[in-house]
Amino acid sequence: MNIDREKLISSIKKISEPKVLVVGDLALDEMIYGDAERISREAPVLILQHTRTKLILGGASNAAHNVATLNDGKVGVIGVSGDDYYSELLFDTFREANIDCSKIVKDQSRKTIVKTRISGSITTSITQQIVRVDRQSKGPISEATENRIIQNIKDALPNYDVVILSNYHIGTLTDRIIKFTTDYANELGKVVVVDAQRDLGSYKNVTSMTPNLPDTEKSVGFKIESEDDMKKAGEILLSQTNAKAVLITCGADGMFVTEPNQVYTKIPVFNKSEVFDVTGAGDTVTAVYSLALGAGVDPVYSALIGNVAASLVIRQFGCATTSIDELLKALKDLKI
């Protein structure tokens, strides 16, 4: 495809303007690091001498964090947490990232979603993840919590330009919350972007969605093995959701944008080297793409900016973020 660099640069400069509300499964990633000392006498396991603990916003929280680094913190989150030790850590981490967390609903019957990764230095140069512990409540939220979340969305959404529905299918985004948010956003003229892993066709009248290739295949019911298959999948999602565009992320094969009237755009990967970690790259694409749509950038150039952002965060370990200055600097180095 032919890319207008000046248009891309001017579009990047706009994405700091929109205010974004993220609604979904808010999570905290707890990274515990240590140095391996010896094997325990109690069981055949390593004993780690703790060196540091790092708290990172994960799940829907990571999408919000990506937005906050790009629009100077004009972002809020709505979801549910437990009323526990980790809920306070989650709130503190949001505040440190300049994210408004005042509309989160605390539910004593649920656990705050936390993924704890314990990693150890086996040698002086290698740090290896040893175990992951997940804390979360199974099943959808209660009706009382659902009502409180809907009220908070009703109160908050008029103050934002874009809403991201970030569904990790841990119970926050019930059918009722999805429908209310989408209907209300459309009534207010807001941009609605869906980031979900399944049931993609159930999101109606959204602006766009950003599924990856495997999740798209699961949703449309067939293997995508050619560009014609990609076009067919995009058309199905457009038809089911009445979206204005569908962005399918395809990993090393880039991205594919489908728009109404059989308009298709294939976007290649901008960085195939220096891939250290793809963790959270999808959240980065969703955040940047949503900001660009909210700034009035067309879907293809919004996807292009998301692609540039992804080329940066995959060079870093863990859930990473980027900035507008880094995006502009990257354009000088990328062969576009």
C-alpha atoms as a PDB file:
ATOM      1  CA  MET A   1       0.000   0.000   0.000  1.00  0.00           C
ATOM      2  CA  ASN A   2       1.070   3.617  -0.562  1.00  0.00           C
ATOM      3  CA  ILE A   3       1.449   5.508   2.687  1.00  0.00           C
ATOM      4  CA  ASP A   4       1.377   9.301   2.945  1.00  0.00           C
ATOM      5  CA  ARG A   5       4.055   9.974   5.583  1.00  0.00           C
ATOM      6  CA  GLU A   6       2.916  13.553   6.172  1.00  0.00           C
ATOM      7  CA  LYS A   7      -0.657  12.396   6.751  1.00  0.00           C
ATOM      8  CA  LEU A   8       0.626   9.715   9.111  1.00  0.00           C
ATOM      9  CA  ILE A   9       2.711  12.241  11.071  1.00  0.00           C
ATOM     10  CA  SER A  10      -0.169  14.720  11.361  1.00  0.00           C
ATOM     11  CA  SER A  11      -2.492  11.895  12.435  1.00  0.00           C
ATOM     12  CA  ILE A  12      -0.090  10.786  15.184  1.00  0.00           C
ATOM     13  CA  LYS A  13       0.034  14.328  16.536  1.00  0.00           C
ATOM     14  CA  LYS A  14      -3.772  14.316  16.921  1.00  0.00           C
ATOM     15  CA  ILE A  15      -4.075  11.228  19.083  1.00  0.00           C
ATOM     16  CA  SER A  16      -3.302  13.021  22.339  1.00  0.00           C
ATOM     17  CA  GLU A  17      -6.603  14.907  22.096  1.00  0.00           C
ATOM     18  CA  PRO A  18      -9.448  12.395  22.779  1.00  0.00           C
ATOM     19  CA  LYS A  19     -10.509  11.366  26.272  1.00  0.00           C
ATOM     20  CA  VAL A  20     -10.997   7.612  26.630  1.00  0.00           C
ATOM     21  CA  LEU A  21     -13.080   5.471  28.976  1.00  0.00           C
ATOM     22  CA  VAL A  22     -12.079   1.808  29.317  1.00  0.00           C
ATOM     23  CA  VAL A  23     -14.751  -0.602  30.563  1.00  0.00           C
ATOM     24  CA  GLY A  24     -13.839  -4.210  31.228  1.00  0.00           C
ATOM     25  CA  ASP A  25     -11.895  -6.766  33.226  1.00  0.00           C
ATOM     26  CA  LEU A  26      -9.425  -4.711  35.250  1.00  0.00           C
ATOM     27  CA  ALA A  27      -6.377  -6.668  36.349  1.00  0.00           C
ATOM     28  CA  LEU A  28      -3.025  -6.291  38.065  1.00  0.00           C
ATOM     29  CA  ASP A  29       0.142  -8.141  37.067  1.00  0.00           C
ATOM     30  CA  GLU A  30       2.403  -8.790  40.046  1.00  0.00           C
ATOM     31  CA  MET A  31       5.961  -9.584  38.956  1.00  0.00           C
ATOM     32  CA  ILE A  32       8.085 -11.138  41.712  1.00  0.00           C
ATOM     33  CA  TYR A  33      11.800 -11.571  41.056  1.00  0.00           C
ATOM     34  CA  GLY A  34      14.499 -13.397  42.966  1.00  0.00           C
ATOM     35  CA  ASP A  35      17.850 -15.135  42.726  1.00  0.00           C
ATOM     36  CA  ALA A  36      17.917 -18.913  42.937  1.00  0.00           C
ATOM     37  CA  GLU A  37      19.912 -20.013  45.972  1.00  0.00           C
ATOM     38  CA  ARG A  38      19.393 -23.746  46.401  1.00  0.00           C
ATOM     39  CA  ILE A  39      16.871 -26.586  46.424  1.00  0.00           C
ATOM     40  CA  SER A  40      14.543 -26.629  49.412  1.00  0.00           C
ATOM     41  CA  ARG A  41      14.737 -29.432  51.974  1.00  0.00           C
ATOM     42  CA  GLU A  42      10.945 -29.310  52.292  1.00  0.00           C
ATOM     43  CA  ALA A  43      10.206 -30.191  48.657  1.00  0.00           C
ATOM     44  CA  PRO A  44      12.094 -30.445  45.354  1.00  0.00           C
ATOM     45  CA  VAL A  45      11.633 -26.746  44.598  1.00  0.00           C
ATOM     46  CA  LEU A  46      13.899 -23.750  44.219  1.00  0.00           C
ATOM     47  CA  ILE A  47      14.411 -21.315  47.052  1.00  0.00           C
ATOM     48  CA  LEU A  48      14.515 -17.751  45.698  1.00  0.00           C
ATOM     49  CA  GLN A  49      16.068 -14.838  47.509  1.00  0.00           C
ATOM     50  CA  HIS A  50      13.583 -12.050  46.764  1.00  0.00           C
ATOM     51  CA  THR A  51      15.088  -9.068  44.959  1.00  0.00           C
ATOM     52  CA  ARG A  52      12.133  -6.954  43.845  1.00  0.00           C
ATOM     53  CA  THR A  53       8.413  -6.847  43.120  1.00  0.00           C
ATOM     54  CA  LYS A  54       6.974  -4.882  40.214  1.00  0.00           C
ATOM     55  CA  LEU A  55       3.282  -4.063  39.751  1.00  0.00           C
ATOM     56  CA  ILE A  56       2.014  -3.659  36.188  1.00  0.00           C
ATOM     57  CA  LEU A  57      -1.495  -2.873  34.954  1.00  0.00           C
ATOM     58  CA  GLY A  58      -2.820  -5.884  33.039  1.00  0.00           C
ATOM     59  CA  GLY A  59      -5.999  -6.956  31.260  1.00  0.00           C
ATOM     60  CA  ALA A  60      -8.251  -4.004  30.473  1.00  0.00           C
ATOM     61  CA  SER A  61      -6.064  -1.949  32.805  1.00  0.00           C
ATOM     62  CA  ASN A  62      -3.167  -2.272  30.343  1.00  0.00           C
ATOM     63  CA  ALA A  63      -5.241  -0.769  27.538  1.00  0.00           C
ATOM     64  CA  ALA A  64      -5.983   2.179  29.832  1.00  0.00           C
ATOM     65  CA  HIS A  65      -2.293   2.521  30.710  1.00  0.00           C
ATOM     66  CA  ASN A  66      -1.370   2.632  27.017  1.00  0.00           C
ATOM     67  CA  VAL A  67      -3.922   5.383  26.472  1.00  0.00           C
ATOM     68  CA  ALA A  68      -2.681   7.377  29.480  1.00  0.00           C
ATOM     69  CA  THR A  69       0.884   7.548  28.160  1.00  0.00           C
ATOM     70  CA  LEU A  70      -0.373   8.924  24.855  1.00  0.00           C
ATOM     71  CA  ASN A  71      -3.022  11.451  25.910  1.00  0.00           C
ATOM     72  CA  ASP A  72      -1.531  12.837  29.136  1.00  0.00           C
ATOM     73  CA  GLY A  73      -3.811  10.823  31.395  1.00  0.00           C
ATOM     74  CA  LYS A  74      -7.159  11.779  29.880  1.00  0.00           C
ATOM     75  CA  VAL A  75      -8.460   8.279  30.628  1.00  0.00           C
ATOM     76  CA  GLY A  76     -10.772   6.627  33.109  1.00  0.00           C
ATOM     77  CA  VAL A  77     -11.639   3.023  33.916  1.00  0.00           C
ATOM     78  CA  ILE A  78     -14.837   1.302  34.995  1.00  0.00           C
ATOM     79  CA  GLY A  79     -14.960  -2.267  36.200  1.00  0.00           C
ATOM     80  CA  VAL A  80     -14.993  -4.284  39.386  1.00  0.00           C
ATOM     81  CA  SER A  81     -12.424  -5.135  42.032  1.00  0.00           C
ATOM     82  CA  GLY A  82     -12.550  -7.095  45.222  1.00  0.00           C
ATOM     83  CA  ASP A  83     -12.403  -5.376  48.587  1.00  0.00           C
ATOM     84  CA  ASP A  84      -9.066  -6.888  49.481  1.00  0.00           C
ATOM     85  CA  TYR A  85      -5.326  -6.299  49.772  1.00  0.00           C
ATOM     86  CA  TYR A  86      -4.795  -6.334  46.029  1.00  0.00           C
ATOM     87  CA  SER A  87      -7.604  -3.890  45.323  1.00  0.00           C
ATOM     88  CA  GLU A  88      -5.650  -1.192  47.135  1.00  0.00           C
ATOM     89  CA  LEU A  89      -2.536  -2.046  45.133  1.00  0.00           C
ATOM     90  CA  LEU A  90      -4.609  -1.874  41.919  1.00  0.00           C
ATOM     91  CA  PHE A  91      -5.985   1.563  42.845  1.00  0.00           C
ATOM     92  CA  ASP A  92      -2.529   2.838  43.797  1.00  0.00           C
ATOM     93  CA  THR A  93      -1.090   1.625  40.482  1.00  0.00           C
ATOM     94  CA  PHE A  94      -3.880   3.350  38.556  1.00  0.00           C
ATOM     95  CA  ARG A  95      -3.232   6.614  40.380  1.00  0.00           C
ATOM     96  CA  GLU A  96       0.496   6.399  39.720  1.00  0.00           C
ATOM     97  CA  ALA A  97      -0.312   5.992  36.010  1.00  0.00           C
ATOM     98  CA  ASN A  98      -2.577   9.083  36.123  1.00  0.00           C
ATOM     99  CA  ILE A  99      -5.726   7.046  35.413  1.00  0.00           C
ATOM    100  CA  ASP A 100      -9.086   7.959  36.970  1.00  0.00           C
ATOM    101  CA  CYS A 101     -10.226   4.890  38.911  1.00  0.00           C
ATOM    102  CA  SER A 102     -12.959   6.600  40.953  1.00  0.00           C
ATOM    103  CA  LYS A 103     -15.748   4.706  39.135  1.00  0.00           C
ATOM    104  CA  ILE A 104     -14.489   1.192  39.904  1.00  0.00           C
ATOM    105  CA  VAL A 105     -17.045  -0.827  41.879  1.00  0.00           C
ATOM    106  CA  LYS A 106     -15.738  -2.771  44.868  1.00  0.00           C
ATOM    107  CA  ASP A 107     -17.461  -6.126  45.360  1.00  0.00           C
ATOM    108  CA  GLN A 108     -16.628  -8.001  48.582  1.00  0.00           C
ATOM    109  CA  SER A 109     -17.814 -11.279  47.051  1.00  0.00           C
ATOM    110  CA  ARG A 110     -15.192 -11.186  44.281  1.00  0.00           C
ATOM    111  CA  LYS A 111     -11.408 -11.289  44.109  1.00  0.00           C
ATOM    112  CA  THR A 112      -9.381  -8.528  42.544  1.00  0.00           C
ATOM    113  CA  ILE A 113      -7.996 -10.011  39.308  1.00  0.00           C
ATOM    114  CA  VAL A 114      -4.273 -10.586  39.838  1.00  0.00           C
ATOM    115  CA  LYS A 115      -1.734 -12.615  37.881  1.00  0.00           C
ATOM    116  CA  THR A 116       1.394 -13.210  39.932  1.00  0.00           C
ATOM    117  CA  ARG A 117       4.462 -14.303  38.003  1.00  0.00           C
ATOM    118  CA  ILE A 118       7.438 -15.546  40.001  1.00  0.00           C
ATOM    119  CA  SER A 119      10.725 -15.430  38.116  1.00  0.00           C
ATOM    120  CA  GLY A 120      14.190 -16.433  39.208  1.00  0.00           C
ATOM    121  CA  SER A 121      17.715 -15.812  38.004  1.00  0.00           C
ATOM    122  CA  ILE A 122      19.048 -19.302  37.412  1.00  0.00           C
ATOM    123  CA  THR A 123      22.358 -17.941  36.159  1.00  0.00           C
ATOM    124  CA  THR A 124      23.805 -14.451  36.206  1.00  0.00           C
ATOM    125  CA  SER A 125      22.345 -13.695  32.777  1.00  0.00           C
ATOM    126  CA  ILE A 126      19.037 -15.581  32.556  1.00  0.00           C
ATOM    127  CA  THR A 127      15.815 -14.730  34.384  1.00  0.00           C
ATOM    128  CA  GLN A 128      13.172 -17.406  33.917  1.00  0.00           C
ATOM    129  CA  GLN A 129       9.506 -17.485  34.878  1.00  0.00           C
ATOM    130  CA  ILE A 130       9.008 -20.360  37.288  1.00  0.00           C
ATOM    131  CA  VAL A 131       5.309 -20.262  38.130  1.00  0.00           C
ATOM    132  CA  ARG A 132       2.222 -18.104  37.619  1.00  0.00           C
ATOM    133  CA  VAL A 133      -0.564 -17.776  40.186  1.00  0.00           C
ATOM    134  CA  ASP A 134      -3.951 -16.431  39.011  1.00  0.00           C
ATOM    135  CA  ARG A 135      -6.434 -14.877  41.433  1.00  0.00           C
ATOM    136  CA  GLN A 136      -9.887 -14.227  40.031  1.00  0.00           C
ATOM    137  CA  SER A 137     -13.560 -14.985  40.619  1.00  0.00           C
ATOM    138  CA  LYS A 138     -15.278 -17.252  38.145  1.00  0.00           C
ATOM    139  CA  GLY A 139     -18.677 -16.394  36.757  1.00  0.00           C
ATOM    140  CA  PRO A 140     -20.416 -13.119  35.919  1.00  0.00           C
ATOM    141  CA  ILE A 141     -20.809 -10.272  38.372  1.00  0.00           C
ATOM    142  CA  SER A 142     -23.928 -10.007  40.522  1.00  0.00           C
ATOM    143  CA  GLU A 143     -26.968  -8.018  39.438  1.00  0.00           C
ATOM    144  CA  ALA A 144     -26.311  -5.442  42.174  1.00  0.00           C
ATOM    145  CA  THR A 145     -22.740  -4.893  40.957  1.00  0.00           C
ATOM    146  CA  GLU A 146     -23.964  -4.813  37.364  1.00  0.00           C
ATOM    147  CA  ASN A 147     -26.461  -2.054  38.253  1.00  0.00           C
ATOM    148  CA  ARG A 148     -23.728   0.013  39.938  1.00  0.00           C
ATOM    149  CA  ILE A 149     -21.414  -0.321  36.937  1.00  0.00           C
ATOM    150  CA  ILE A 150     -24.172   0.742  34.537  1.00  0.00           C
ATOM    151  CA  GLN A 151     -24.928   3.790  36.686  1.00  0.00           C
ATOM    152  CA  ASN A 152     -21.229   4.715  36.732  1.00  0.00           C
ATOM    153  CA  ILE A 153     -21.052   4.394  32.935  1.00  0.00           C
ATOM    154  CA  LYS A 154     -24.136   6.586  32.632  1.00  0.00           C
ATOM    155  CA  ASP A 155     -22.511   9.222  34.826  1.00  0.00           C
ATOM    156  CA  ALA A 156     -19.056   9.105  33.230  1.00  0.00           C
ATOM    157  CA  LEU A 157     -19.495   8.527  29.497  1.00  0.00           C
ATOM    158  CA  PRO A 158     -20.691  12.060  28.580  1.00  0.00           C
ATOM    159  CA  ASN A 159     -17.255  13.311  29.670  1.00  0.00           C
ATOM    160  CA  TYR A 160     -15.337  11.071  27.224  1.00  0.00           C
ATOM    161  CA  ASP A 161     -14.898  10.874  23.455  1.00  0.00           C
ATOM    162  CA  VAL A 162     -14.168   7.154  23.122  1.00  0.00           C
ATOM    163  CA  VAL A 163     -15.160   4.024  25.028  1.00  0.00           C
ATOM    164  CA  ILE A 164     -13.170   0.788  24.792  1.00  0.00           C
ATOM    165  CA  LEU A 165     -14.957  -2.421  25.765  1.00  0.00           C
ATOM    166  CA  SER A 166     -12.058  -4.654  26.865  1.00  0.00           C
ATOM    167  CA  ASN A 167     -13.393  -8.150  27.460  1.00  0.00           C
ATOM    168  CA  TYR A 168     -11.119 -10.839  28.891  1.00  0.00           C
ATOM    169  CA  HIS A 169     -14.233 -12.879  29.725  1.00  0.00           C
ATOM    170  CA  ILE A 170     -13.679 -12.866  33.480  1.00  0.00           C
ATOM    171  CA  GLY A 171     -17.221 -11.706  34.231  1.00  0.00           C
ATOM    172  CA  THR A 172     -17.331  -7.896  34.115  1.00  0.00           C
ATOM    173  CA  LEU A 173     -18.829  -7.304  30.675  1.00  0.00           C
ATOM    174  CA  THR A 174     -22.273  -8.840  30.904  1.00  0.00           C
ATOM    175  CA  ASP A 175     -24.629  -8.699  27.921  1.00  0.00           C
ATOM    176  CA  ARG A 176     -26.582  -5.957  29.658  1.00  0.00           C
ATOM    177  CA  ILE A 177     -23.503  -3.790  30.300  1.00  0.00           C
ATOM    178  CA  ILE A 178     -22.325  -4.238  26.711  1.00  0.00           C
ATOM    179  CA  LYS A 179     -25.715  -3.276  25.272  1.00  0.00           C
ATOM    180  CA  PHE A 180     -26.192  -0.300  27.597  1.00  0.00           C
ATOM    181  CA  THR A 181     -22.708   1.068  26.925  1.00  0.00           C
ATOM    182  CA  THR A 182     -22.991   0.678  23.166  1.00  0.00           C
ATOM    183  CA  ASP A 183     -26.496   2.139  22.937  1.00  0.00           C
ATOM    184  CA  TYR A 184     -25.649   5.053  25.224  1.00  0.00           C
ATOM    185  CA  ALA A 185     -22.377   5.789  23.410  1.00  0.00           C
ATOM    186  CA  ASN A 186     -24.186   5.855  20.067  1.00  0.00           C
ATOM    187  CA  GLU A 187     -26.827   8.154  21.524  1.00  0.00           C
ATOM    188  CA  LEU A 188     -24.046  10.522  22.641  1.00  0.00           C
ATOM    189  CA  GLY A 189     -22.099  10.210  19.379  1.00  0.00           C
ATOM    190  CA  LYS A 190     -19.065   8.535  20.967  1.00  0.00           C
ATOM    191  CA  VAL A 191     -16.598   6.143  19.324  1.00  0.00           C
ATOM    192  CA  VAL A 192     -16.988   2.525  20.534  1.00  0.00           C
ATOM    193  CA  VAL A 193     -14.144   0.034  20.052  1.00  0.00           C
ATOM    194  CA  VAL A 194     -14.376  -3.616  21.085  1.00  0.00           C
ATOM    195  CA  ASP A 195     -11.387  -5.702  22.177  1.00  0.00           C
ATOM    196  CA  ALA A 196     -12.742  -9.188  22.872  1.00  0.00           C
ATOM    197  CA  GLN A 197     -11.572 -12.774  22.508  1.00  0.00           C
ATOM    198  CA  ARG A 198     -14.825 -14.482  21.532  1.00  0.00           C
ATOM    199  CA  ASP A 199     -18.479 -13.939  20.624  1.00  0.00           C
ATOM    200  CA  LEU A 200     -17.422 -11.068  18.362  1.00  0.00           C
ATOM    201  CA  GLY A 201     -20.719 -11.072  16.494  1.00  0.00           C
ATOM    202  CA  SER A 202     -22.636 -10.274  19.669  1.00  0.00           C
ATOM    203  CA  TYR A 203     -21.385  -6.661  19.732  1.00  0.00           C
ATOM    204  CA  LYS A 204     -23.890  -4.578  17.799  1.00  0.00           C
ATOM    205  CA  ASN A 205     -23.586  -1.065  16.332  1.00  0.00           C
ATOM    206  CA  VAL A 206     -19.983  -0.483  17.382  1.00  0.00           C
ATOM    207  CA  THR A 207     -17.505   1.777  15.620  1.00  0.00           C
ATOM    208  CA  SER A 208     -14.850  -0.911  15.277  1.00  0.00           C
ATOM    209  CA  MET A 209     -13.223  -3.971  16.821  1.00  0.00           C
ATOM    210  CA  THR A 210      -9.654  -5.280  16.994  1.00  0.00           C
ATOM    211  CA  PRO A 211      -9.661  -9.117  17.150  1.00  0.00           C
ATOM    212  CA  ASN A 212      -6.523 -11.135  16.528  1.00  0.00           C
ATOM    213  CA  LEU A 213      -6.416 -13.864  13.901  1.00  0.00           C
ATOM    214  CA  PRO A 214      -7.131 -16.914  16.134  1.00  0.00           C
ATOM    215  CA  ASP A 215     -10.071 -15.166  17.826  1.00  0.00           C
ATOM    216  CA  THR A 216     -11.439 -14.119  14.441  1.00  0.00           C
ATOM    217  CA  GLU A 217     -11.242 -17.703  13.190  1.00  0.00           C
ATOM    218  CA  LYS A 218     -13.109 -18.955  16.260  1.00  0.00           C
ATOM    219  CA  SER A 219     -15.797 -16.337  15.805  1.00  0.00           C
ATOM    220  CA  VAL A 220     -16.437 -16.832  12.066  1.00  0.00           C
ATOM    221  CA  GLY A 221     -16.064 -20.616  12.229  1.00  0.00           C
ATOM    222  CA  PHE A 222     -13.412 -21.299   9.605  1.00  0.00           C
ATOM    223  CA  LYS A 223      -9.630 -21.277   9.143  1.00  0.00           C
ATOM    224  CA  ILE A 224      -8.237 -18.150   7.504  1.00  0.00           C
ATOM    225  CA  GLU A 225      -5.599 -19.315   5.049  1.00  0.00           C
ATOM    226  CA  SER A 226      -5.733 -16.717   2.275  1.00  0.00           C
ATOM    227  CA  GLU A 227      -6.531 -13.088   1.642  1.00  0.00           C
ATOM    228  CA  ASP A 228      -9.936 -14.109   0.282  1.00  0.00           C
ATOM    229  CA  ASP A 229     -10.621 -15.874   3.584  1.00  0.00           C
ATOM    230  CA  MET A 230      -9.597 -12.686   5.402  1.00  0.00           C
ATOM    231  CA  LYS A 231     -11.982 -10.620   3.300  1.00  0.00           C
ATOM    232  CA  LYS A 232     -14.803 -13.080   3.960  1.00  0.00           C
ATOM    233  CA  ALA A 233     -14.143 -13.008   7.714  1.00  0.00           C
ATOM    234  CA  GLY A 234     -14.073  -9.224   7.750  1.00  0.00           C
ATOM    235  CA  GLU A 235     -17.347  -9.051   5.836  1.00  0.00           C
ATOM    236  CA  ILE A 236     -18.999 -11.452   8.272  1.00  0.00           C
ATOM    237  CA  LEU A 237     -17.949  -9.356  11.272  1.00  0.00           C
ATOM    238  CA  LEU A 238     -19.054  -6.138   9.576  1.00  0.00           C
ATOM    239  CA  SER A 239     -22.438  -7.675   8.811  1.00  0.00           C
ATOM    240  CA  GLN A 240     -22.903  -9.084  12.316  1.00  0.00           C
ATOM    241  CA  THR A 241     -21.834  -5.944  14.194  1.00  0.00           C
ATOM    242  CA  ASN A 242     -22.798  -3.127  11.815  1.00  0.00           C
ATOM    243  CA  ALA A 243     -19.325  -1.724  12.510  1.00  0.00           C
ATOM    244  CA  LYS A 244     -17.745   1.027  10.431  1.00  0.00           C
ATOM    245  CA  ALA A 245     -14.503  -0.973  10.218  1.00  0.00           C
ATOM    246  CA  VAL A 246     -12.927  -4.193  11.488  1.00  0.00           C
ATOM    247  CA  LEU A 247      -9.205  -4.393  12.235  1.00  0.00           C
ATOM    248  CA  ILE A 248      -7.832  -7.954  12.372  1.00  0.00           C
ATOM    249  CA  THR A 249      -4.323  -8.235  13.811  1.00  0.00           C
ATOM    250  CA  CYS A 250      -2.307 -11.082  12.319  1.00  0.00           C
ATOM    251  CA  GLY A 251       0.972 -11.118  14.269  1.00  0.00           C
ATOM    252  CA  ALA A 252       3.959 -11.490  11.949  1.00  0.00           C
ATOM    253  CA  ASP A 253       1.637 -11.110   8.940  1.00  0.00           C
ATOM    254  CA  GLY A 254       0.587  -7.568   9.881  1.00  0.00           C
ATOM    255  CA  MET A 255      -2.979  -6.287   9.951  1.00  0.00           C
ATOM    256  CA  PHE A 256      -6.070  -6.332   7.772  1.00  0.00           C
ATOM    257  CA  VAL A 257      -8.725  -3.611   7.729  1.00  0.00           C
ATOM    258  CA  THR A 258     -12.194  -4.278   6.309  1.00  0.00           C
ATOM    259  CA  GLU A 259     -14.554  -1.382   5.668  1.00  0.00           C
ATOM    260  CA  PRO A 260     -18.065  -1.287   4.158  1.00  0.00           C
ATOM    261  CA  ASN A 261     -18.560  -1.577   0.391  1.00  0.00           C
ATOM    262  CA  GLN A 262     -15.812  -4.202   0.070  1.00  0.00           C
ATOM    263  CA  VAL A 263     -12.941  -1.877   0.926  1.00  0.00           C
ATOM    264  CA  TYR A 264      -9.929  -3.894   2.116  1.00  0.00           C
ATOM    265  CA  THR A 265      -6.454  -2.810   3.226  1.00  0.00           C
ATOM    266  CA  LYS A 266      -3.582  -5.134   4.083  1.00  0.00           C
ATOM    267  CA  ILE A 267      -0.938  -3.555   6.338  1.00  0.00           C
ATOM    268  CA  PRO A 268       2.486  -5.222   6.601  1.00  0.00           C
ATOM    269  CA  VAL A 269       4.485  -5.535   9.817  1.00  0.00           C
ATOM    270  CA  PHE A 270       6.823  -2.568  10.269  1.00  0.00           C
ATOM    271  CA  ASN A 271       9.305  -4.362  12.512  1.00  0.00           C
ATOM    272  CA  LYS A 272      10.175  -8.027  12.074  1.00  0.00           C
ATOM    273  CA  SER A 273      13.400  -7.791  14.051  1.00  0.00           C
ATOM    274  CA  GLU A 274      14.028  -7.176  17.742  1.00  0.00           C
ATOM    275  CA  VAL A 275      10.915  -9.076  18.845  1.00  0.00           C
ATOM    276  CA  PHE A 276      11.482  -9.699  22.536  1.00  0.00           C
ATOM    277  CA  ASP A 277       7.956 -10.052  23.922  1.00  0.00           C
ATOM    278  CA  VAL A 278       4.492  -9.730  22.338  1.00  0.00           C
ATOM    279  CA  THR A 279       2.758  -9.560  25.757  1.00  0.00           C
ATOM    280  CA  GLY A 280       0.246  -6.713  25.765  1.00  0.00           C
ATOM    281  CA  ALA A 281       0.912  -5.722  22.135  1.00  0.00           C
ATOM    282  CA  GLY A 282      -2.779  -6.220  21.340  1.00  0.00           C
ATOM    283  CA  ASP A 283      -3.732  -3.776  24.108  1.00  0.00           C
ATOM    284  CA  THR A 284      -1.313  -1.243  22.638  1.00  0.00           C
ATOM    285  CA  VAL A 285      -2.842  -1.573  19.171  1.00  0.00           C
ATOM    286  CA  THR A 286      -6.362  -1.216  20.568  1.00  0.00           C
ATOM    287  CA  ALA A 287      -5.427   1.856  22.631  1.00  0.00           C
ATOM    288  CA  VAL A 288      -3.658   3.668  19.793  1.00  0.00           C
ATOM    289  CA  TYR A 289      -6.252   2.697  17.180  1.00  0.00           C
ATOM    290  CA  SER A 290      -9.076   3.906  19.455  1.00  0.00           C
ATOM    291  CA  LEU A 291      -7.364   7.224  20.164  1.00  0.00           C
ATOM    292  CA  ALA A 292      -6.835   7.800  16.453  1.00  0.00           C
ATOM    293  CA  LEU A 293     -10.466   7.007  15.609  1.00  0.00           C
ATOM    294  CA  GLY A 294     -11.537   9.365  18.390  1.00  0.00           C
ATOM    295  CA  ALA A 295      -9.355  12.084  16.834  1.00  0.00           C
ATOM    296  CA  GLY A 296     -11.161  11.684  13.513  1.00  0.00           C
ATOM    297  CA  VAL A 297      -8.428   9.684  11.752  1.00  0.00           C
ATOM    298  CA  ASP A 298      -9.749   7.173   9.211  1.00  0.00           C
ATOM    299  CA  PRO A 299      -9.591   3.446  10.114  1.00  0.00           C
ATOM    300  CA  VAL A 300      -6.626   2.605   7.847  1.00  0.00           C
ATOM    301  CA  TYR A 301      -4.353   5.356   9.168  1.00  0.00           C
ATOM    302  CA  SER A 302      -5.553   4.609  12.706  1.00  0.00           C
ATOM    303  CA  ALA A 303      -4.422   1.012  12.133  1.00  0.00           C
ATOM    304  CA  LEU A 304      -1.113   2.217  10.693  1.00  0.00           C
ATOM    305  CA  ILE A 305      -0.408   4.185  13.866  1.00  0.00           C
ATOM    306  CA  GLY A 306      -1.308   1.121  15.920  1.00  0.00           C
ATOM    307  CA  ASN A 307       1.119  -0.887  13.824  1.00  0.00           C
ATOM    308  CA  VAL A 308       3.940   1.573  14.515  1.00  0.00           C
ATOM    309  CA  ALA A 309       3.153   1.412  18.244  1.00  0.00           C
ATOM    310  CA  ALA A 310       3.212  -2.393  18.200  1.00  0.00           C
ATOM    311  CA  SER A 311       6.627  -2.318  16.519  1.00  0.00           C
ATOM    312  CA  LEU A 312       7.919  -0.460  19.562  1.00  0.00           C
ATOM    313  CA  VAL A 313       6.365  -2.353  22.482  1.00  0.00           C
ATOM    314  CA  ILE A 314       7.374  -5.811  21.219  1.00  0.00           C
ATOM    315  CA  ARG A 315      10.985  -4.760  21.747  1.00  0.00           C
ATOM    316  CA  GLN A 316      10.348  -4.577  25.491  1.00  0.00           C
ATOM    317  CA  PHE A 317       9.640  -7.285  28.060  1.00  0.00           C
ATOM    318  CA  GLY A 318       6.210  -7.500  29.688  1.00  0.00           C
ATOM    319  CA  CYS A 319       3.206  -5.213  29.170  1.00  0.00           C
ATOM    320  CA  ALA A 320       4.830  -2.107  27.677  1.00  0.00           C
ATOM    321  CA  THR A 321       3.600   1.312  26.591  1.00  0.00           C
ATOM    322  CA  THR A 322       4.825   3.978  24.195  1.00  0.00           C
ATOM    323  CA  SER A 323       4.524   7.738  23.682  1.00  0.00           C
ATOM    324  CA  ILE A 324       3.795  10.131  20.826  1.00  0.00           C
ATOM    325  CA  ASP A 325       7.427  11.275  20.722  1.00  0.00           C
ATOM    326  CA  GLU A 326       8.528   7.633  20.391  1.00  0.00           C
ATOM    327  CA  LEU A 327       6.001   7.069  17.602  1.00  0.00           C
ATOM    328  CA  LEU A 328       7.245  10.080  15.660  1.00  0.00           C
ATOM    329  CA  LYS A 329      10.862   9.070  16.186  1.00  0.00           C
ATOM    330  CA  ALA A 330      10.103   5.532  15.003  1.00  0.00           C
ATOM    331  CA  LEU A 331       8.785   6.857  11.686  1.00  0.00           C
ATOM    332  CA  LYS A 332      12.259   8.126  10.856  1.00  0.00           C
ATOM    333  CA  ASP A 333      13.717   4.648  11.306  1.00  0.00           C
ATOM    334  CA  LEU A 334      10.967   2.543   9.753  1.00  0.00           C
ATOM    335  CA  LYS A 335      10.896   1.911   6.029  1.00  0.00           C
ATOM    336  CA  ILE A 336       7.398   3.124   5.243  1.00  0.00           C
END
